[in-house]
Amino acid sequence: MTAWRTLALSHPDHPRAPAALWRCAEICGKLNRPDWVASACQAILARYPMSDVAALAQSRMKKLGTPSP
């Protein structure tokens, strides 16, 4: 999880940054950390709203009952 997050935060313009954040969200979900999932999804929606994973992040936010940015 840390490696994916580091990639996304250290290289925010990298084409894989949105997918790295999404992978981080998936891992946080498996760790039963909905607060971390929400944080990663919020970052995706705020920074990469047109990315391939934005719809996945939006869906996960709704499932968590967390408002989107």
PDB file of N, CA and C in Angstrom:
ATOM      1  N   MET A   1       0.819  -1.179   0.000  1.00  0.00           N
ATOM      2  CA  MET A   1       0.000   0.000   0.000  1.00  0.00           C
ATOM      3  C   MET A   1       0.870   1.252   0.000  1.00  0.00           C
ATOM      4  N   THR A   2       1.894   1.242   0.820  1.00  0.00           N
ATOM      5  CA  THR A   2       2.764   2.410   0.927  1.00  0.00           C
ATOM      6  C   THR A   2       3.466   2.707  -0.393  1.00  0.00           C
ATOM      7  N   ALA A   3       3.890   1.673  -1.082  1.00  0.00           N
ATOM      8  CA  ALA A   3       4.578   1.871  -2.362  1.00  0.00           C
ATOM      9  C   ALA A   3       3.657   2.513  -3.391  1.00  0.00           C
ATOM     10  N   TRP A   4       2.412   2.058  -3.452  1.00  0.00           N
ATOM     11  CA  TRP A   4       1.451   2.639  -4.407  1.00  0.00           C
ATOM     12  C   TRP A   4       1.184   4.102  -4.068  1.00  0.00           C
ATOM     13  N   ARG A   5       0.985   4.373  -2.780  1.00  0.00           N
ATOM     14  CA  ARG A   5       0.706   5.742  -2.339  1.00  0.00           C
ATOM     15  C   ARG A   5       1.903   6.642  -2.638  1.00  0.00           C
ATOM     16  N   THR A   6       3.094   6.148  -2.361  1.00  0.00           N
ATOM     17  CA  THR A   6       4.309   6.918  -2.618  1.00  0.00           C
ATOM     18  C   THR A   6       4.457   7.237  -4.101  1.00  0.00           C
ATOM     19  N   LEU A   7       4.191   6.261  -4.954  1.00  0.00           N
ATOM     20  CA  LEU A   7       4.267   6.500  -6.395  1.00  0.00           C
ATOM     21  C   LEU A   7       3.334   7.633  -6.790  1.00  0.00           C
ATOM     22  N   ALA A   8       2.087   7.558  -6.323  1.00  0.00           N
ATOM     23  CA  ALA A   8       1.093   8.562  -6.699  1.00  0.00           C
ATOM     24  C   ALA A   8       1.440   9.950  -6.161  1.00  0.00           C
ATOM     25  N   LEU A   9       1.920  10.013  -4.929  1.00  0.00           N
ATOM     26  CA  LEU A   9       2.223  11.310  -4.328  1.00  0.00           C
ATOM     27  C   LEU A   9       3.555  11.893  -4.799  1.00  0.00           C
ATOM     28  N   SER A  10       4.520  11.034  -5.070  1.00  0.00           N
ATOM     29  CA  SER A  10       5.828  11.507  -5.517  1.00  0.00           C
ATOM     30  C   SER A  10       5.851  11.877  -6.993  1.00  0.00           C
ATOM     31  N   HIS A  11       4.975  11.238  -7.745  1.00  0.00           N
ATOM     32  CA  HIS A  11       4.939  11.468  -9.194  1.00  0.00           C
ATOM     33  C   HIS A  11       3.490  11.670  -9.640  1.00  0.00           C
ATOM     34  N   PRO A  12       2.859  12.769  -9.201  1.00  0.00           N
ATOM     35  CA  PRO A  12       1.432  12.964  -9.475  1.00  0.00           C
ATOM     36  C   PRO A  12       1.083  13.093 -10.958  1.00  0.00           C
ATOM     37  N   ASP A  13       2.063  13.421 -11.792  1.00  0.00           N
ATOM     38  CA  ASP A  13       1.797  13.548 -13.226  1.00  0.00           C
ATOM     39  C   ASP A  13       2.053  12.262 -14.002  1.00  0.00           C
ATOM     40  N   HIS A  14       2.515  11.238 -13.298  1.00  0.00           N
ATOM     41  CA  HIS A  14       2.775   9.957 -13.950  1.00  0.00           C
ATOM     42  C   HIS A  14       1.442   9.360 -14.412  1.00  0.00           C
ATOM     43  N   PRO A  15       1.406   8.768 -15.601  1.00  0.00           N
ATOM     44  CA  PRO A  15       0.149   8.195 -16.107  1.00  0.00           C
ATOM     45  C   PRO A  15      -0.444   7.116 -15.203  1.00  0.00           C
ATOM     46  N   ARG A  16       0.377   6.466 -14.397  1.00  0.00           N
ATOM     47  CA  ARG A  16      -0.109   5.402 -13.515  1.00  0.00           C
ATOM     48  C   ARG A  16      -0.505   5.903 -12.128  1.00  0.00           C
ATOM     49  N   ALA A  17      -0.374   7.187 -11.864  1.00  0.00           N
ATOM     50  CA  ALA A  17      -0.693   7.723 -10.538  1.00  0.00           C
ATOM     51  C   ALA A  17      -2.144   7.455 -10.123  1.00  0.00           C
ATOM     52  N   PRO A  18      -3.133   7.698 -10.989  1.00  0.00           N
ATOM     53  CA  PRO A  18      -4.510   7.396 -10.562  1.00  0.00           C
ATOM     54  C   PRO A  18      -4.713   5.915 -10.241  1.00  0.00           C
ATOM     55  N   ALA A  19      -4.165   5.048 -11.062  1.00  0.00           N
ATOM     56  CA  ALA A  19      -4.292   3.605 -10.825  1.00  0.00           C
ATOM     57  C   ALA A  19      -3.557   3.199  -9.544  1.00  0.00           C
ATOM     58  N   ALA A  20      -2.446   3.861  -9.249  1.00  0.00           N
ATOM     59  CA  ALA A  20      -1.710   3.567  -8.017  1.00  0.00           C
ATOM     60  C   ALA A  20      -2.550   3.930  -6.796  1.00  0.00           C
ATOM     61  N   LEU A  21      -3.221   5.070  -6.846  1.00  0.00           N
ATOM     62  CA  LEU A  21      -4.095   5.444  -5.742  1.00  0.00           C
ATOM     63  C   LEU A  21      -5.263   4.475  -5.610  1.00  0.00           C
ATOM     64  N   TRP A  22      -5.798   4.029  -6.740  1.00  0.00           N
ATOM     65  CA  TRP A  22      -6.898   3.070  -6.685  1.00  0.00           C
ATOM     66  C   TRP A  22      -6.427   1.759  -6.065  1.00  0.00           C
ATOM     67  N   ARG A  23      -5.243   1.304  -6.429  1.00  0.00           N
ATOM     68  CA  ARG A  23      -4.700   0.076  -5.848  1.00  0.00           C
ATOM     69  C   ARG A  23      -4.536   0.242  -4.339  1.00  0.00           C
ATOM     70  N   CYS A  24      -4.096   1.419  -3.922  1.00  0.00           N
ATOM     71  CA  CYS A  24      -3.973   1.716  -2.495  1.00  0.00           C
ATOM     72  C   CYS A  24      -5.346   1.607  -1.824  1.00  0.00           C
ATOM     73  N   ALA A  25      -6.373   2.144  -2.453  1.00  0.00           N
ATOM     74  CA  ALA A  25      -7.736   2.059  -1.901  1.00  0.00           C
ATOM     75  C   ALA A  25      -8.186   0.606  -1.774  1.00  0.00           C
ATOM     76  N   GLU A  26      -7.883  -0.203  -2.785  1.00  0.00           N
ATOM     77  CA  GLU A  26      -8.263  -1.616  -2.724  1.00  0.00           C
ATOM     78  C   GLU A  26      -7.588  -2.331  -1.562  1.00  0.00           C
ATOM     79  N   ILE A  27      -6.317  -2.071  -1.376  1.00  0.00           N
ATOM     80  CA  ILE A  27      -5.577  -2.699  -0.282  1.00  0.00           C
ATOM     81  C   ILE A  27      -6.127  -2.237   1.066  1.00  0.00           C
ATOM     82  N   CYS A  28      -6.431  -0.954   1.183  1.00  0.00           N
ATOM     83  CA  CYS A  28      -7.013  -0.435   2.429  1.00  0.00           C
ATOM     84  C   CYS A  28      -8.343  -1.106   2.723  1.00  0.00           C
ATOM     85  N   GLY A  29      -9.112  -1.394   1.687  1.00  0.00           N
ATOM     86  CA  GLY A  29     -10.364  -2.106   1.884  1.00  0.00           C
ATOM     87  C   GLY A  29     -10.139  -3.499   2.439  1.00  0.00           C
ATOM     88  N   LYS A  30      -9.118  -4.174   1.940  1.00  0.00           N
ATOM     89  CA  LYS A  30      -8.804  -5.509   2.437  1.00  0.00           C
ATOM     90  C   LYS A  30      -8.283  -5.471   3.868  1.00  0.00           C
ATOM     91  N   LEU A  31      -7.721  -4.337   4.259  1.00  0.00           N
ATOM     92  CA  LEU A  31      -7.239  -4.163   5.631  1.00  0.00           C
ATOM     93  C   LEU A  31      -8.354  -3.675   6.555  1.00  0.00           C
ATOM     94  N   ASN A  32      -9.556  -3.563   6.013  1.00  0.00           N
ATOM     95  CA  ASN A  32     -10.727  -3.098   6.770  1.00  0.00           C
ATOM     96  C   ASN A  32     -10.498  -1.696   7.345  1.00  0.00           C
ATOM     97  N   ARG A  33     -10.005  -0.804   6.484  1.00  0.00           N
ATOM     98  CA  ARG A  33      -9.767   0.589   6.857  1.00  0.00           C
ATOM     99  C   ARG A  33     -10.589   1.506   5.954  1.00  0.00           C
ATOM    100  N   PRO A  34     -11.901   1.594   6.195  1.00  0.00           N
ATOM    101  CA  PRO A  34     -12.744   2.411   5.319  1.00  0.00           C
ATOM    102  C   PRO A  34     -12.351   3.883   5.313  1.00  0.00           C
ATOM    103  N   ASP A  35     -11.766   4.375   6.390  1.00  0.00           N
ATOM    104  CA  ASP A  35     -11.322   5.767   6.417  1.00  0.00           C
ATOM    105  C   ASP A  35     -10.188   5.995   5.418  1.00  0.00           C
ATOM    106  N   TRP A  36      -9.287   5.029   5.316  1.00  0.00           N
ATOM    107  CA  TRP A  36      -8.192   5.137   4.356  1.00  0.00           C
ATOM    108  C   TRP A  36      -8.707   4.962   2.931  1.00  0.00           C
ATOM    109  N   VAL A  37      -9.685   4.081   2.751  1.00  0.00           N
ATOM    110  CA  VAL A  37     -10.299   3.898   1.430  1.00  0.00           C
ATOM    111  C   VAL A  37     -10.910   5.222   0.980  1.00  0.00           C
ATOM    112  N   ALA A  38     -11.673   5.835   1.867  1.00  0.00           N
ATOM    113  CA  ALA A  38     -12.316   7.109   1.541  1.00  0.00           C
ATOM    114  C   ALA A  38     -11.284   8.177   1.198  1.00  0.00           C
ATOM    115  N   SER A  39     -10.205   8.226   1.940  1.00  0.00           N
ATOM    116  CA  SER A  39      -9.159   9.211   1.685  1.00  0.00           C
ATOM    117  C   SER A  39      -8.537   9.019   0.300  1.00  0.00           C
ATOM    118  N   ALA A  40      -8.234   7.780  -0.049  1.00  0.00           N
ATOM    119  CA  ALA A  40      -7.650   7.495  -1.363  1.00  0.00           C
ATOM    120  C   ALA A  40      -8.635   7.823  -2.476  1.00  0.00           C
ATOM    121  N   CYS A  41      -9.899   7.474  -2.271  1.00  0.00           N
ATOM    122  CA  CYS A  41     -10.917   7.756  -3.294  1.00  0.00           C
ATOM    123  C   CYS A  41     -11.127   9.259  -3.454  1.00  0.00           C
ATOM    124  N   GLN A  42     -11.119   9.984  -2.359  1.00  0.00           N
ATOM    125  CA  GLN A  42     -11.251  11.438  -2.432  1.00  0.00           C
ATOM    126  C   GLN A  42     -10.089  12.051  -3.208  1.00  0.00           C
ATOM    127  N   ALA A  43      -8.899  11.529  -2.986  1.00  0.00           N
ATOM    128  CA  ALA A  43      -7.728  12.029  -3.705  1.00  0.00           C
ATOM    129  C   ALA A  43      -7.856  11.755  -5.205  1.00  0.00           C
ATOM    130  N   ILE A  44      -8.342  10.572  -5.555  1.00  0.00           N
ATOM    131  CA  ILE A  44      -8.544  10.240  -6.969  1.00  0.00           C
ATOM    132  C   ILE A  44      -9.527  11.212  -7.597  1.00  0.00           C
ATOM    133  N   LEU A  45     -10.655  11.419  -6.934  1.00  0.00           N
ATOM    134  CA  LEU A  45     -11.697  12.278  -7.493  1.00  0.00           C
ATOM    135  C   LEU A  45     -11.266  13.742  -7.567  1.00  0.00           C
ATOM    136  N   ALA A  46     -10.474  14.184  -6.605  1.00  0.00           N
ATOM    137  CA  ALA A  46     -10.013  15.568  -6.600  1.00  0.00           C
ATOM    138  C   ALA A  46      -8.913  15.822  -7.636  1.00  0.00           C
ATOM    139  N   ARG A  47      -7.993  14.872  -7.748  1.00  0.00           N
ATOM    140  CA  ARG A  47      -6.816  15.080  -8.604  1.00  0.00           C
ATOM    141  C   ARG A  47      -6.977  14.527 -10.014  1.00  0.00           C
ATOM    142  N   TYR A  48      -7.764  13.461 -10.147  1.00  0.00           N
ATOM    143  CA  TYR A  48      -7.856  12.764 -11.430  1.00  0.00           C
ATOM    144  C   TYR A  48      -9.317  12.474 -11.796  1.00  0.00           C
ATOM    145  N   PRO A  49     -10.158  13.496 -11.850  1.00  0.00           N
ATOM    146  CA  PRO A  49     -11.589  13.254 -12.087  1.00  0.00           C
ATOM    147  C   PRO A  49     -11.913  12.642 -13.448  1.00  0.00           C
ATOM    148  N   MET A  50     -11.010  12.749 -14.393  1.00  0.00           N
ATOM    149  CA  MET A  50     -11.251  12.200 -15.730  1.00  0.00           C
ATOM    150  C   MET A  50     -10.516  10.877 -15.955  1.00  0.00           C
ATOM    151  N   SER A  51      -9.931  10.323 -14.920  1.00  0.00           N
ATOM    152  CA  SER A  51      -9.165   9.077 -15.062  1.00  0.00           C
ATOM    153  C   SER A  51     -10.081   7.872 -15.198  1.00  0.00           C
ATOM    154  N   ASP A  52      -9.493   6.774 -15.611  1.00  0.00           N
ATOM    155  CA  ASP A  52     -10.239   5.521 -15.753  1.00  0.00           C
ATOM    156  C   ASP A  52     -10.778   5.012 -14.424  1.00  0.00           C
ATOM    157  N   VAL A  53     -10.136   5.346 -13.331  1.00  0.00           N
ATOM    158  CA  VAL A  53     -10.549   4.833 -12.028  1.00  0.00           C
ATOM    159  C   VAL A  53     -11.467   5.787 -11.262  1.00  0.00           C
ATOM    160  N   ALA A  54     -11.749   6.950 -11.814  1.00  0.00           N
ATOM    161  CA  ALA A  54     -12.604   7.922 -11.121  1.00  0.00           C
ATOM    162  C   ALA A  54     -13.997   7.354 -10.866  1.00  0.00           C
ATOM    163  N   ALA A  55     -14.565   6.662 -11.846  1.00  0.00           N
ATOM    164  CA  ALA A  55     -15.896   6.073 -11.653  1.00  0.00           C
ATOM    165  C   ALA A  55     -15.874   5.001 -10.564  1.00  0.00           C
ATOM    166  N   LEU A  56     -14.796   4.240 -10.499  1.00  0.00           N
ATOM    167  CA  LEU A  56     -14.652   3.234  -9.441  1.00  0.00           C
ATOM    168  C   LEU A  56     -14.571   3.903  -8.071  1.00  0.00           C
ATOM    169  N   ALA A  57     -13.814   4.988  -8.003  1.00  0.00           N
ATOM    170  CA  ALA A  57     -13.687   5.716  -6.737  1.00  0.00           C
ATOM    171  C   ALA A  57     -15.026   6.316  -6.327  1.00  0.00           C
ATOM    172  N   GLN A  58     -15.748   6.869  -7.286  1.00  0.00           N
ATOM    173  CA  GLN A  58     -17.065   7.446  -7.005  1.00  0.00           C
ATOM    174  C   GLN A  58     -18.012   6.372  -6.462  1.00  0.00           C
ATOM    175  N   SER A  59     -17.996   5.226  -7.093  1.00  0.00           N
ATOM    176  CA  SER A  59     -18.846   4.114  -6.667  1.00  0.00           C
ATOM    177  C   SER A  59     -18.485   3.657  -5.260  1.00  0.00           C
ATOM    178  N   ARG A  60     -17.210   3.568  -4.973  1.00  0.00           N
ATOM    179  CA  ARG A  60     -16.778   3.136  -3.645  1.00  0.00           C
ATOM    180  C   ARG A  60     -17.162   4.162  -2.589  1.00  0.00           C
ATOM    181  N   MET A  61     -17.075   5.443  -2.933  1.00  0.00           N
ATOM    182  CA  MET A  61     -17.480   6.494  -1.993  1.00  0.00           C
ATOM    183  C   MET A  61     -18.964   6.358  -1.660  1.00  0.00           C
ATOM    184  N   LYS A  62     -19.783   6.093  -2.659  1.00  0.00           N
ATOM    185  CA  LYS A  62     -21.208   5.917  -2.424  1.00  0.00           C
ATOM    186  C   LYS A  62     -21.459   4.718  -1.537  1.00  0.00           C
ATOM    187  N   LYS A  63     -20.737   3.631  -1.797  1.00  0.00           N
ATOM    188  CA  LYS A  63     -20.882   2.416  -0.995  1.00  0.00           C
ATOM    189  C   LYS A  63     -20.502   2.668   0.467  1.00  0.00           C
ATOM    190  N   LEU A  64     -19.505   3.513   0.672  1.00  0.00           N
ATOM    191  CA  LEU A  64     -19.073   3.846   2.028  1.00  0.00           C
ATOM    192  C   LEU A  64     -19.997   4.871   2.689  1.00  0.00           C
ATOM    193  N   GLY A  65     -20.838   5.515   1.875  1.00  0.00           N
ATOM    194  CA  GLY A  65     -21.716   6.555   2.408  1.00  0.00           C
ATOM    195  C   GLY A  65     -20.980   7.848   2.692  1.00  0.00           C
ATOM    196  N   THR A  66     -19.877   8.046   1.982  1.00  0.00           N
ATOM    197  CA  THR A  66     -19.044   9.238   2.161  1.00  0.00           C
ATOM    198  C   THR A  66     -19.297  10.197   1.027  1.00  0.00           C
ATOM    199  N   PRO A  67     -19.532  11.481   1.314  1.00  0.00           N
ATOM    200  CA  PRO A  67     -19.735  12.444   0.232  1.00  0.00           C
ATOM    201  C   PRO A  67     -18.479  12.617  -0.604  1.00  0.00           C
ATOM    202  N   SER A  68     -18.673  12.791  -1.880  1.00  0.00           N
ATOM    203  CA  SER A  68     -17.548  13.017  -2.801  1.00  0.00           C
ATOM    204  C   SER A  68     -17.132  14.477  -2.738  1.00  0.00           C
ATOM    205  N   PRO A  69     -15.869  14.748  -3.100  1.00  0.00           N
ATOM    206  CA  PRO A  69     -15.394  16.147  -3.100  1.00  0.00           C
ATOM    207  C   PRO A  69     -16.091  16.957  -4.169  1.00  0.00           C
TER     208      PRO A  69
END
